[in-house]
Amino acid sequence: MPLVWLLVGAFALGVVLTLLLFFPAALRQRWQLWRARREVARLSRQQLMTPETH
């Protein structure tokens, strides 16, 4: 029985380490994507608001 708990603990530790290594990078990438998209929306809105026709 203790061997099973050791395997479960090692698996859980691996999962936690993988999440700690992978999750911040994914969050940073998503934050950069969202910020870039917001910047593009702001720039396009500025271009729409500037009167280029007259």
Protein backbone atom coordinates (compact mmCIF):
# COMPACT_ATOMS: atom_id res chain seq x y z
CA MET A 1 0.00 0.00 0.00
CA PRO A 2 2.71 2.61 0.80
CA LEU A 3 4.19 2.03 -2.65
CA VAL A 4 0.90 3.12 -4.23
CA TRP A 5 0.87 6.31 -2.15
CA LEU A 6 4.49 6.95 -3.12
CA LEU A 7 3.61 6.60 -6.80
CA VAL A 8 0.59 8.89 -6.35
CA GLY A 9 2.70 11.45 -4.51
CA ALA A 10 5.41 11.37 -7.17
CA PHE A 11 2.80 11.77 -9.91
CA ALA A 12 1.14 14.67 -8.10
CA LEU A 13 4.51 16.32 -7.57
CA GLY A 14 5.30 15.97 -11.27
CA VAL A 15 1.94 17.47 -12.20
CA VAL A 16 2.44 20.41 -9.82
CA LEU A 17 5.96 21.04 -11.11
CA THR A 18 4.75 20.88 -14.71
CA LEU A 19 1.95 23.33 -13.93
CA LEU A 20 4.35 25.68 -12.14
CA LEU A 21 6.72 25.60 -15.10
CA PHE A 22 4.11 25.76 -17.87
CA PHE A 23 1.29 27.87 -16.44
CA PRO A 24 3.15 31.20 -15.93
CA ALA A 25 4.50 31.06 -19.49
CA ALA A 26 1.00 30.46 -20.87
CA LEU A 27 -0.41 33.27 -18.72
CA ARG A 28 2.32 35.66 -19.92
CA GLN A 29 1.69 34.69 -23.53
CA ARG A 30 -2.06 35.21 -23.14
CA TRP A 31 -1.46 38.58 -21.44
CA GLN A 32 0.81 39.70 -24.29
CA LEU A 33 -1.77 38.55 -26.85
CA TRP A 34 -4.57 40.43 -25.06
CA ARG A 35 -2.45 43.56 -24.71
CA ALA A 36 -1.45 43.49 -28.38
CA ARG A 37 -5.06 42.97 -29.44
CA ARG A 38 -6.17 45.89 -27.26
CA GLU A 39 -3.42 48.06 -28.75
CA VAL A 40 -4.51 47.15 -32.28
CA ALA A 41 -8.13 47.96 -31.42
CA ARG A 42 -7.09 51.31 -29.97
CA LEU A 43 -5.00 52.16 -33.04
CA SER A 44 -7.79 51.20 -35.44
CA ARG A 45 -10.25 53.28 -33.40
CA GLN A 46 -7.88 56.24 -33.61
CA GLN A 47 -7.62 55.80 -37.37
CA LEU A 48 -11.42 55.69 -37.62
CA MET A 49 -11.78 58.81 -35.50
CA THR A 50 -9.22 60.87 -37.43
CA PRO A 51 -11.00 62.72 -40.25
CA GLU A 52 -8.93 61.74 -43.28
CA THR A 53 -11.61 62.63 -45.89
CA HIS A 54 -11.81 66.34 -45.05
